[in-house]
N, C-alpha and C. Protein backbone atom coordinates (compact mmCIF):
# COMPACT_ATOMS: atom_id res chain seq x y z
N MET A 1 28.51 13.39 -3.17
CA MET A 1 27.97 13.01 -4.48
C MET A 1 26.49 12.66 -4.34
N GLU A 2 25.70 13.12 -5.30
CA GLU A 2 24.27 12.89 -5.25
C GLU A 2 23.92 11.44 -5.59
N TRP A 3 22.87 10.93 -4.93
CA TRP A 3 22.38 9.58 -5.17
C TRP A 3 21.79 9.50 -6.58
N SER A 4 22.07 8.40 -7.27
CA SER A 4 21.43 8.12 -8.55
C SER A 4 21.44 6.61 -8.78
N TYR A 5 20.64 6.17 -9.73
CA TYR A 5 20.52 4.75 -10.04
C TYR A 5 20.34 4.60 -11.54
N GLN A 6 21.05 3.65 -12.13
CA GLN A 6 20.93 3.36 -13.56
C GLN A 6 20.03 2.14 -13.76
N ALA A 7 19.06 2.28 -14.64
CA ALA A 7 18.15 1.18 -14.95
C ALA A 7 18.06 1.03 -16.46
N ASP A 8 18.01 -0.20 -16.92
CA ASP A 8 17.85 -0.45 -18.35
C ASP A 8 16.38 -0.41 -18.72
N THR A 9 16.08 0.23 -19.86
CA THR A 9 14.74 0.25 -20.42
C THR A 9 14.86 -0.03 -21.91
N GLU A 10 13.74 -0.27 -22.55
CA GLU A 10 13.76 -0.49 -24.00
C GLU A 10 14.18 0.77 -24.75
N GLY A 11 14.04 1.93 -24.11
CA GLY A 11 14.43 3.19 -24.73
C GLY A 11 15.85 3.60 -24.44
N GLY A 12 16.57 2.77 -23.68
CA GLY A 12 17.95 3.08 -23.32
C GLY A 12 18.15 3.11 -21.83
N SER A 13 19.35 3.42 -21.42
CA SER A 13 19.68 3.49 -20.00
C SER A 13 18.98 4.70 -19.37
N MET A 14 18.33 4.46 -18.23
CA MET A 14 17.61 5.52 -17.53
C MET A 14 18.32 5.83 -16.22
N THR A 15 18.62 7.09 -16.00
CA THR A 15 19.22 7.55 -14.75
C THR A 15 18.12 8.08 -13.86
N CYS A 16 18.00 7.53 -12.67
CA CYS A 16 16.97 7.95 -11.72
C CYS A 16 17.62 8.81 -10.64
N ARG A 17 17.02 9.97 -10.40
CA ARG A 17 17.55 10.92 -9.44
C ARG A 17 16.44 11.38 -8.51
N PRO A 18 16.78 11.75 -7.26
CA PRO A 18 15.77 12.26 -6.33
C PRO A 18 15.14 13.56 -6.83
N LEU A 19 13.86 13.71 -6.56
CA LEU A 19 13.18 14.96 -6.88
C LEU A 19 13.66 16.03 -5.91
N THR A 20 14.22 17.08 -6.46
CA THR A 20 14.66 18.25 -5.69
C THR A 20 13.90 19.45 -6.24
N PRO A 21 13.92 20.58 -5.53
CA PRO A 21 13.23 21.76 -6.06
C PRO A 21 13.71 22.13 -7.47
N GLU A 22 14.99 21.92 -7.75
CA GLU A 22 15.53 22.25 -9.07
C GLU A 22 14.99 21.33 -10.16
N ARG A 23 14.53 20.17 -9.80
CA ARG A 23 13.99 19.21 -10.77
C ARG A 23 12.46 19.19 -10.83
N PHE A 24 11.82 20.09 -10.11
CA PHE A 24 10.37 20.07 -10.06
C PHE A 24 9.75 20.26 -11.45
N GLY A 25 10.34 21.09 -12.27
CA GLY A 25 9.85 21.28 -13.63
C GLY A 25 9.90 20.00 -14.44
N ASP A 26 10.87 19.12 -14.14
CA ASP A 26 10.95 17.83 -14.82
C ASP A 26 9.77 16.94 -14.44
N MET A 27 9.36 17.00 -13.17
CA MET A 27 8.18 16.26 -12.75
C MET A 27 6.95 16.76 -13.49
N GLU A 28 6.83 18.08 -13.62
CA GLU A 28 5.71 18.66 -14.37
C GLU A 28 5.72 18.19 -15.83
N ASP A 29 6.91 18.10 -16.42
CA ASP A 29 7.01 17.61 -17.80
C ASP A 29 6.48 16.19 -17.92
N VAL A 30 6.83 15.33 -16.97
CA VAL A 30 6.37 13.95 -16.98
C VAL A 30 4.84 13.91 -16.86
N PHE A 31 4.28 14.73 -16.00
CA PHE A 31 2.84 14.72 -15.75
C PHE A 31 2.04 15.30 -16.91
N GLY A 32 2.64 16.16 -17.71
CA GLY A 32 1.93 16.77 -18.83
C GLY A 32 1.05 17.92 -18.40
N ASP A 33 0.30 18.44 -19.35
CA ASP A 33 -0.51 19.63 -19.11
C ASP A 33 -1.92 19.35 -18.63
N LYS A 34 -2.38 18.11 -18.78
CA LYS A 34 -3.76 17.78 -18.38
C LYS A 34 -3.83 16.32 -17.97
N GLY A 35 -4.97 15.93 -17.45
CA GLY A 35 -5.16 14.54 -17.07
C GLY A 35 -5.15 14.34 -15.56
N VAL A 36 -5.38 13.10 -15.17
CA VAL A 36 -5.51 12.75 -13.75
C VAL A 36 -4.22 13.00 -12.98
N ALA A 37 -3.09 12.60 -13.54
CA ALA A 37 -1.82 12.79 -12.83
C ALA A 37 -1.57 14.27 -12.56
N ARG A 38 -1.87 15.10 -13.54
CA ARG A 38 -1.64 16.54 -13.38
C ARG A 38 -2.56 17.12 -12.29
N ARG A 39 -3.80 16.66 -12.22
CA ARG A 39 -4.71 17.16 -11.19
C ARG A 39 -4.34 16.65 -9.80
N CYS A 40 -4.00 15.39 -9.71
CA CYS A 40 -3.70 14.79 -8.41
C CYS A 40 -2.33 15.22 -7.88
N PHE A 41 -1.35 15.21 -8.75
CA PHE A 41 0.03 15.56 -8.43
C PHE A 41 0.53 14.81 -7.19
N CYS A 42 0.17 13.52 -7.13
CA CYS A 42 0.61 12.61 -6.05
C CYS A 42 0.20 13.07 -4.65
N MET A 43 -0.86 13.85 -4.56
CA MET A 43 -1.33 14.28 -3.25
C MET A 43 -2.43 13.38 -2.69
N HIS A 44 -2.96 12.47 -3.51
CA HIS A 44 -3.99 11.54 -3.02
C HIS A 44 -3.52 10.82 -1.76
N TRP A 45 -2.31 10.30 -1.78
CA TRP A 45 -1.80 9.50 -0.66
C TRP A 45 -1.41 10.37 0.53
N ARG A 46 -1.24 11.66 0.33
CA ARG A 46 -0.78 12.57 1.38
C ARG A 46 -1.92 13.37 2.02
N ARG A 47 -3.14 13.18 1.56
CA ARG A 47 -4.28 13.97 2.06
C ARG A 47 -4.50 13.73 3.55
N PRO A 48 -4.53 14.80 4.34
CA PRO A 48 -4.75 14.64 5.78
C PRO A 48 -6.21 14.33 6.08
N ASP A 49 -6.47 13.87 7.29
CA ASP A 49 -7.85 13.68 7.74
C ASP A 49 -8.63 14.96 7.51
N GLY A 50 -9.82 14.84 6.95
CA GLY A 50 -10.65 16.01 6.71
C GLY A 50 -10.32 16.77 5.44
N GLY A 51 -9.37 16.30 4.67
CA GLY A 51 -9.02 16.98 3.43
C GLY A 51 -8.10 18.15 3.65
N TYR A 52 -8.02 19.03 2.65
CA TYR A 52 -7.06 20.12 2.69
C TYR A 52 -7.58 21.42 3.25
N GLY A 53 -8.85 21.67 3.15
CA GLY A 53 -9.41 22.87 3.76
C GLY A 53 -9.07 24.17 3.04
N ASP A 54 -8.54 24.09 1.83
CA ASP A 54 -8.28 25.29 1.03
C ASP A 54 -8.43 24.94 -0.44
N ASP A 55 -8.37 25.92 -1.28
CA ASP A 55 -8.59 25.70 -2.71
C ASP A 55 -7.30 25.70 -3.52
N ARG A 56 -6.17 25.52 -2.86
CA ARG A 56 -4.90 25.55 -3.59
C ARG A 56 -4.80 24.36 -4.54
N ASP A 57 -4.00 24.51 -5.54
CA ASP A 57 -3.75 23.47 -6.52
C ASP A 57 -2.80 22.42 -5.92
N ASN A 58 -3.04 21.15 -6.24
CA ASN A 58 -2.17 20.08 -5.74
C ASN A 58 -0.73 20.26 -6.20
N ARG A 59 -0.53 20.83 -7.36
CA ARG A 59 0.82 21.10 -7.84
C ARG A 59 1.56 21.98 -6.83
N ASP A 60 0.89 23.02 -6.32
CA ASP A 60 1.52 23.92 -5.36
C ASP A 60 1.79 23.21 -4.03
N ARG A 61 0.86 22.36 -3.62
CA ARG A 61 1.08 21.60 -2.39
C ARG A 61 2.32 20.70 -2.52
N PHE A 62 2.42 20.02 -3.68
CA PHE A 62 3.55 19.11 -3.85
C PHE A 62 4.86 19.87 -4.00
N ALA A 63 4.82 21.04 -4.61
CA ALA A 63 6.03 21.86 -4.72
C ALA A 63 6.56 22.21 -3.33
N GLU A 64 5.66 22.47 -2.39
CA GLU A 64 6.08 22.75 -1.01
C GLU A 64 6.76 21.53 -0.39
N ILE A 65 6.23 20.34 -0.67
CA ILE A 65 6.84 19.11 -0.14
C ILE A 65 8.24 18.93 -0.72
N ALA A 66 8.38 19.16 -2.02
CA ALA A 66 9.70 19.04 -2.65
C ALA A 66 10.67 20.08 -2.10
N ASP A 67 10.17 21.29 -1.87
CA ASP A 67 11.03 22.36 -1.33
C ASP A 67 11.50 22.03 0.09
N ALA A 68 10.60 21.45 0.89
CA ALA A 68 10.92 21.17 2.30
C ALA A 68 11.88 19.99 2.45
N GLY A 69 11.81 19.01 1.49
CA GLY A 69 12.65 17.83 1.60
C GLY A 69 12.21 16.97 2.77
N PRO A 70 12.73 15.78 2.90
CA PRO A 70 13.63 15.11 1.95
C PRO A 70 12.92 14.79 0.64
N PRO A 71 13.66 14.35 -0.37
CA PRO A 71 13.04 14.06 -1.67
C PRO A 71 11.88 13.07 -1.54
N PRO A 72 10.70 13.42 -2.10
CA PRO A 72 9.53 12.56 -1.98
C PRO A 72 9.42 11.47 -3.05
N GLY A 73 10.43 11.36 -3.89
CA GLY A 73 10.41 10.36 -4.94
C GLY A 73 11.53 10.59 -5.92
N LEU A 74 11.43 9.88 -7.05
CA LEU A 74 12.50 9.88 -8.04
C LEU A 74 11.98 10.21 -9.42
N ILE A 75 12.82 10.88 -10.20
CA ILE A 75 12.55 11.14 -11.60
C ILE A 75 13.52 10.30 -12.42
N GLY A 76 13.02 9.64 -13.46
CA GLY A 76 13.87 8.86 -14.36
C GLY A 76 14.12 9.61 -15.65
N TYR A 77 15.38 9.64 -16.09
CA TYR A 77 15.79 10.37 -17.29
C TYR A 77 16.45 9.43 -18.29
N ILE A 78 16.08 9.56 -19.54
CA ILE A 78 16.79 8.90 -20.63
C ILE A 78 17.34 10.01 -21.51
N ASP A 79 18.65 10.02 -21.69
CA ASP A 79 19.30 11.11 -22.43
C ASP A 79 18.91 12.47 -21.89
N GLU A 80 18.84 12.57 -20.56
CA GLU A 80 18.51 13.80 -19.83
C GLU A 80 17.08 14.30 -20.06
N VAL A 81 16.24 13.50 -20.70
CA VAL A 81 14.82 13.85 -20.87
C VAL A 81 14.03 13.13 -19.78
N PRO A 82 13.24 13.86 -18.96
CA PRO A 82 12.47 13.20 -17.90
C PRO A 82 11.40 12.28 -18.48
N MET A 83 11.44 10.99 -18.07
CA MET A 83 10.53 9.99 -18.63
C MET A 83 9.52 9.45 -17.64
N GLY A 84 9.84 9.50 -16.33
CA GLY A 84 8.91 8.91 -15.38
C GLY A 84 9.16 9.39 -13.97
N TRP A 85 8.19 9.10 -13.13
CA TRP A 85 8.19 9.51 -11.72
C TRP A 85 7.73 8.34 -10.87
N VAL A 86 8.34 8.16 -9.70
CA VAL A 86 7.85 7.20 -8.71
C VAL A 86 7.89 7.88 -7.34
N GLN A 87 6.79 7.77 -6.60
CA GLN A 87 6.73 8.31 -5.25
C GLN A 87 7.15 7.21 -4.27
N VAL A 88 8.08 7.52 -3.40
CA VAL A 88 8.58 6.56 -2.42
C VAL A 88 8.99 7.31 -1.17
N GLY A 89 8.63 6.75 -0.02
CA GLY A 89 9.00 7.36 1.25
C GLY A 89 8.44 6.55 2.40
N PRO A 90 8.73 6.96 3.62
CA PRO A 90 8.17 6.26 4.78
C PRO A 90 6.65 6.23 4.72
N ARG A 91 6.08 5.09 5.05
CA ARG A 91 4.61 4.93 5.00
C ARG A 91 3.91 6.04 5.79
N SER A 92 4.52 6.49 6.86
CA SER A 92 3.91 7.53 7.69
C SER A 92 3.73 8.86 6.94
N ASP A 93 4.39 9.04 5.80
CA ASP A 93 4.21 10.24 4.98
C ASP A 93 2.88 10.23 4.23
N PHE A 94 2.18 9.09 4.25
CA PHE A 94 0.99 8.91 3.42
C PHE A 94 -0.23 8.55 4.27
N PRO A 95 -0.87 9.55 4.90
CA PRO A 95 -1.98 9.26 5.82
C PRO A 95 -3.18 8.57 5.17
N THR A 96 -3.35 8.71 3.86
CA THR A 96 -4.47 8.03 3.20
C THR A 96 -4.36 6.52 3.38
N LEU A 97 -3.16 5.98 3.42
CA LEU A 97 -2.98 4.53 3.62
C LEU A 97 -3.55 4.08 4.96
N ALA A 98 -3.30 4.85 6.00
CA ALA A 98 -3.78 4.47 7.33
C ALA A 98 -5.30 4.48 7.42
N ARG A 99 -5.95 5.35 6.64
CA ARG A 99 -7.41 5.46 6.67
C ARG A 99 -8.11 4.43 5.79
N SER A 100 -7.38 3.82 4.90
CA SER A 100 -7.98 2.89 3.93
C SER A 100 -8.31 1.55 4.57
N ARG A 101 -9.52 1.06 4.34
CA ARG A 101 -9.87 -0.27 4.87
C ARG A 101 -9.08 -1.36 4.15
N LEU A 102 -8.68 -1.12 2.90
CA LEU A 102 -7.92 -2.12 2.15
C LEU A 102 -6.43 -2.05 2.42
N LEU A 103 -5.92 -0.86 2.69
CA LEU A 103 -4.47 -0.66 2.78
C LEU A 103 -3.99 -0.27 4.16
N LYS A 104 -4.89 -0.38 5.15
CA LYS A 104 -4.50 -0.03 6.51
C LYS A 104 -3.29 -0.88 6.94
N PRO A 105 -2.59 -0.48 7.99
CA PRO A 105 -1.39 -1.21 8.40
C PRO A 105 -1.66 -2.70 8.62
N VAL A 106 -0.69 -3.49 8.21
CA VAL A 106 -0.77 -4.95 8.35
C VAL A 106 -0.33 -5.37 9.74
N ASP A 107 0.68 -4.67 10.27
CA ASP A 107 1.28 -5.03 11.56
C ASP A 107 2.00 -3.80 12.10
N GLU A 108 2.92 -3.99 13.02
CA GLU A 108 3.63 -2.87 13.64
C GLU A 108 4.88 -2.45 12.87
N VAL A 109 5.22 -3.14 11.80
CA VAL A 109 6.38 -2.78 10.99
C VAL A 109 6.15 -1.40 10.39
N GLU A 110 7.21 -0.60 10.31
CA GLU A 110 7.11 0.73 9.71
C GLU A 110 7.87 0.73 8.39
N PRO A 111 7.19 0.27 7.32
CA PRO A 111 7.87 0.16 6.03
C PRO A 111 7.98 1.50 5.29
N TRP A 112 8.78 1.50 4.27
CA TRP A 112 8.71 2.54 3.26
C TRP A 112 7.64 2.11 2.27
N ALA A 113 7.00 3.07 1.61
CA ALA A 113 5.92 2.78 0.68
C ALA A 113 6.24 3.30 -0.72
N ILE A 114 5.90 2.49 -1.70
CA ILE A 114 5.93 2.89 -3.10
C ILE A 114 4.48 2.87 -3.55
N ASN A 115 3.95 4.04 -3.93
CA ASN A 115 2.51 4.06 -4.18
C ASN A 115 2.08 4.76 -5.47
N CYS A 116 2.99 5.32 -6.24
CA CYS A 116 2.55 6.01 -7.44
C CYS A 116 3.64 6.02 -8.51
N PHE A 117 3.25 5.67 -9.72
CA PHE A 117 4.13 5.75 -10.89
C PHE A 117 3.43 6.60 -11.95
N VAL A 118 4.17 7.47 -12.58
CA VAL A 118 3.68 8.21 -13.74
C VAL A 118 4.76 8.11 -14.81
N VAL A 119 4.36 7.63 -15.97
CA VAL A 119 5.28 7.52 -17.10
C VAL A 119 4.81 8.48 -18.18
N ARG A 120 5.75 9.22 -18.70
CA ARG A 120 5.46 10.24 -19.72
C ARG A 120 4.66 9.63 -20.87
N THR A 121 3.66 10.35 -21.35
CA THR A 121 2.87 9.90 -22.50
C THR A 121 3.81 9.61 -23.67
N GLY A 122 3.57 8.48 -24.32
CA GLY A 122 4.40 8.05 -25.44
C GLY A 122 5.57 7.17 -25.04
N GLN A 123 5.80 7.00 -23.73
CA GLN A 123 6.92 6.20 -23.24
C GLN A 123 6.47 4.96 -22.47
N ARG A 124 5.18 4.72 -22.41
CA ARG A 124 4.66 3.60 -21.63
C ARG A 124 4.96 2.28 -22.32
N ARG A 125 5.00 1.22 -21.53
CA ARG A 125 5.27 -0.15 -22.00
C ARG A 125 6.66 -0.30 -22.60
N GLN A 126 7.61 0.47 -22.05
CA GLN A 126 8.99 0.38 -22.50
C GLN A 126 9.95 0.12 -21.34
N GLY A 127 9.41 -0.30 -20.20
CA GLY A 127 10.25 -0.64 -19.06
C GLY A 127 10.60 0.51 -18.15
N VAL A 128 10.00 1.68 -18.37
CA VAL A 128 10.29 2.83 -17.52
C VAL A 128 9.79 2.57 -16.09
N GLY A 129 8.56 2.08 -15.95
CA GLY A 129 8.01 1.79 -14.62
C GLY A 129 8.83 0.74 -13.88
N LYS A 130 9.24 -0.29 -14.58
CA LYS A 130 10.07 -1.34 -13.97
C LYS A 130 11.41 -0.77 -13.50
N GLY A 131 12.00 0.10 -14.31
CA GLY A 131 13.25 0.74 -13.91
C GLY A 131 13.08 1.66 -12.72
N LEU A 132 11.96 2.39 -12.70
CA LEU A 132 11.67 3.26 -11.56
C LEU A 132 11.48 2.45 -10.28
N LEU A 133 10.84 1.29 -10.41
CA LEU A 133 10.64 0.43 -9.25
C LEU A 133 11.98 -0.03 -8.69
N ALA A 134 12.88 -0.48 -9.55
CA ALA A 134 14.21 -0.91 -9.10
C ALA A 134 14.93 0.23 -8.39
N ALA A 135 14.82 1.43 -8.95
CA ALA A 135 15.46 2.59 -8.34
C ALA A 135 14.84 2.92 -6.98
N ALA A 136 13.50 2.83 -6.89
CA ALA A 136 12.82 3.14 -5.63
C ALA A 136 13.25 2.18 -4.51
N ILE A 137 13.42 0.91 -4.86
CA ILE A 137 13.88 -0.08 -3.88
C ILE A 137 15.25 0.32 -3.37
N GLU A 138 16.15 0.66 -4.27
CA GLU A 138 17.51 1.03 -3.88
C GLU A 138 17.54 2.34 -3.11
N PHE A 139 16.67 3.27 -3.48
CA PHE A 139 16.59 4.54 -2.76
C PHE A 139 16.12 4.31 -1.32
N ALA A 140 15.11 3.47 -1.15
CA ALA A 140 14.64 3.14 0.20
C ALA A 140 15.76 2.48 1.01
N ARG A 141 16.46 1.53 0.39
CA ARG A 141 17.57 0.84 1.06
C ARG A 141 18.64 1.85 1.48
N SER A 142 18.96 2.80 0.59
CA SER A 142 20.00 3.79 0.90
C SER A 142 19.58 4.74 2.02
N ASN A 143 18.28 4.78 2.31
CA ASN A 143 17.77 5.59 3.41
C ASN A 143 17.42 4.74 4.63
N ASP A 144 18.06 3.57 4.71
CA ASP A 144 17.95 2.67 5.86
C ASP A 144 16.60 2.01 6.05
N ALA A 145 15.80 1.94 4.99
CA ALA A 145 14.55 1.17 5.07
C ALA A 145 14.90 -0.30 5.24
N LYS A 146 14.12 -1.00 6.01
CA LYS A 146 14.30 -2.45 6.19
C LYS A 146 13.27 -3.23 5.38
N VAL A 147 12.08 -2.62 5.22
CA VAL A 147 10.98 -3.23 4.48
C VAL A 147 10.38 -2.18 3.56
N VAL A 148 10.08 -2.59 2.33
CA VAL A 148 9.39 -1.72 1.37
C VAL A 148 8.04 -2.36 1.06
N GLU A 149 7.01 -1.55 1.07
CA GLU A 149 5.64 -2.03 0.88
C GLU A 149 5.03 -1.32 -0.33
N ALA A 150 4.12 -2.01 -1.03
CA ALA A 150 3.43 -1.42 -2.18
C ALA A 150 2.02 -1.98 -2.28
N TYR A 151 1.22 -1.37 -3.17
CA TYR A 151 -0.21 -1.62 -3.24
C TYR A 151 -0.64 -1.77 -4.70
N PRO A 152 -0.08 -2.73 -5.40
CA PRO A 152 -0.35 -2.86 -6.84
C PRO A 152 -1.76 -3.39 -7.11
N VAL A 153 -2.11 -3.33 -8.38
CA VAL A 153 -3.38 -3.87 -8.84
C VAL A 153 -3.14 -5.29 -9.36
N ASP A 154 -4.05 -6.19 -9.03
CA ASP A 154 -4.02 -7.55 -9.55
C ASP A 154 -5.40 -7.86 -10.10
N GLY A 155 -5.59 -7.59 -11.37
CA GLY A 155 -6.90 -7.82 -11.99
C GLY A 155 -7.44 -6.56 -12.62
N VAL A 156 -8.74 -6.46 -12.66
CA VAL A 156 -9.42 -5.34 -13.31
C VAL A 156 -9.20 -4.07 -12.50
N ARG A 157 -8.88 -3.00 -13.20
CA ARG A 157 -8.72 -1.70 -12.54
C ARG A 157 -10.10 -1.14 -12.27
N GLU A 158 -10.36 -0.79 -11.00
CA GLU A 158 -11.68 -0.35 -10.60
C GLU A 158 -11.79 1.14 -10.36
N SER A 159 -10.68 1.83 -10.22
CA SER A 159 -10.71 3.28 -10.00
C SER A 159 -9.54 3.92 -10.72
N VAL A 160 -9.58 5.21 -10.82
CA VAL A 160 -8.52 5.94 -11.50
C VAL A 160 -7.18 5.74 -10.79
N VAL A 161 -7.19 5.63 -9.47
CA VAL A 161 -5.95 5.42 -8.71
C VAL A 161 -5.25 4.13 -9.15
N ASP A 162 -6.04 3.14 -9.54
CA ASP A 162 -5.49 1.84 -9.94
C ASP A 162 -4.53 1.92 -11.13
N TYR A 163 -4.60 2.99 -11.91
CA TYR A 163 -3.74 3.11 -13.08
C TYR A 163 -2.34 3.62 -12.73
N PHE A 164 -2.11 3.99 -11.48
CA PHE A 164 -0.85 4.62 -11.11
C PHE A 164 -0.05 3.85 -10.07
N THR A 165 -0.55 2.71 -9.59
CA THR A 165 0.11 2.01 -8.50
C THR A 165 0.98 0.84 -8.94
N GLY A 166 0.98 0.52 -10.23
CA GLY A 166 1.74 -0.63 -10.72
C GLY A 166 0.91 -1.90 -10.64
N THR A 167 1.44 -2.95 -11.25
CA THR A 167 0.74 -4.24 -11.27
C THR A 167 1.46 -5.24 -10.36
N LEU A 168 0.72 -6.24 -9.95
CA LEU A 168 1.30 -7.27 -9.08
C LEU A 168 2.49 -7.93 -9.75
N GLY A 169 2.40 -8.24 -11.04
CA GLY A 169 3.50 -8.88 -11.74
C GLY A 169 4.77 -8.06 -11.71
N MET A 170 4.65 -6.78 -11.84
CA MET A 170 5.80 -5.87 -11.81
C MET A 170 6.53 -5.99 -10.47
N PHE A 171 5.78 -6.03 -9.38
CA PHE A 171 6.40 -6.14 -8.06
C PHE A 171 6.91 -7.54 -7.80
N SER A 172 6.16 -8.56 -8.22
CA SER A 172 6.61 -9.95 -8.04
C SER A 172 7.95 -10.18 -8.73
N ASP A 173 8.12 -9.59 -9.90
CA ASP A 173 9.39 -9.72 -10.64
C ASP A 173 10.57 -9.16 -9.87
N HIS A 174 10.31 -8.27 -8.92
CA HIS A 174 11.37 -7.69 -8.09
C HIS A 174 11.47 -8.34 -6.71
N GLY A 175 10.75 -9.45 -6.51
CA GLY A 175 10.87 -10.19 -5.26
C GLY A 175 9.87 -9.84 -4.18
N PHE A 176 8.93 -8.95 -4.46
CA PHE A 176 7.90 -8.63 -3.47
C PHE A 176 6.99 -9.84 -3.28
N VAL A 177 6.51 -10.02 -2.06
CA VAL A 177 5.57 -11.09 -1.77
C VAL A 177 4.30 -10.50 -1.16
N GLU A 178 3.18 -11.14 -1.49
CA GLU A 178 1.90 -10.69 -0.96
C GLU A 178 1.81 -11.02 0.52
N VAL A 179 1.43 -10.02 1.33
CA VAL A 179 1.29 -10.25 2.77
C VAL A 179 -0.17 -10.26 3.22
N ILE A 180 -1.04 -9.58 2.48
CA ILE A 180 -2.47 -9.59 2.79
C ILE A 180 -3.23 -9.07 1.57
N ARG A 181 -4.47 -9.54 1.46
CA ARG A 181 -5.37 -9.08 0.40
C ARG A 181 -6.74 -8.94 1.02
N ARG A 182 -7.23 -7.71 1.05
CA ARG A 182 -8.52 -7.46 1.69
C ARG A 182 -9.66 -7.32 0.69
N ASN A 183 -9.34 -7.40 -0.60
CA ASN A 183 -10.35 -7.51 -1.65
C ASN A 183 -9.73 -8.29 -2.81
N ASP A 184 -10.46 -8.44 -3.90
CA ASP A 184 -9.99 -9.30 -4.99
C ASP A 184 -8.83 -8.73 -5.79
N THR A 185 -8.70 -7.40 -5.84
CA THR A 185 -7.76 -6.83 -6.80
C THR A 185 -6.63 -6.00 -6.19
N ARG A 186 -6.58 -5.83 -4.87
CA ARG A 186 -5.59 -4.93 -4.29
C ARG A 186 -4.81 -5.60 -3.16
N PRO A 187 -3.76 -6.35 -3.50
CA PRO A 187 -2.92 -6.93 -2.46
C PRO A 187 -1.97 -5.91 -1.86
N VAL A 188 -1.52 -6.16 -0.66
CA VAL A 188 -0.41 -5.43 -0.07
C VAL A 188 0.79 -6.35 -0.19
N VAL A 189 1.87 -5.83 -0.80
CA VAL A 189 3.07 -6.64 -1.02
C VAL A 189 4.25 -6.00 -0.31
N ARG A 190 5.23 -6.85 0.04
CA ARG A 190 6.41 -6.35 0.76
C ARG A 190 7.67 -7.00 0.24
N LEU A 191 8.75 -6.27 0.42
CA LEU A 191 10.10 -6.76 0.13
C LEU A 191 10.98 -6.35 1.30
N THR A 192 11.70 -7.33 1.86
CA THR A 192 12.68 -7.03 2.89
C THR A 192 13.97 -6.64 2.19
N VAL A 193 14.47 -5.46 2.54
CA VAL A 193 15.69 -4.96 1.89
C VAL A 193 16.86 -4.93 2.86
């Protein structure tokens, strides 16, 4: 039986399922036809040292990741309509974190990371992100994660990336605690699962 998680939102019960190649079109629906999410396609965190070295579209890069497996995140559905996306996986899947002066490793723990949320236009501020977060925690736990780490914004958003990582309050509500803060607005938070 396939893994899934039910989360309550203001728009109704949301079923969260792993992104598989068959669901890739649902991720595209959530991202829409234009905008930052569509251009980035969650590849910011996966960029290797030196960049990509080719002119391919990030959508195509991410489709390859979804095809290769394991699932790189979850899609949330309300009444079978895709409403949101959360990227979750082992921190080692996201080399940008290791290169970041703000988000570099805190210690020798190898956590799972939650680093990107996208909620369908018109569905924001209805609890979709909060539901996706609960699902991501359970998905990490079901994959034997011991610690889950995230990089929310606490304060003024200073870059476009800041709009997709969630807020400190959202994570605090789920029991995450701040472990380090290397600037004013970007704490690293963790939850032992």
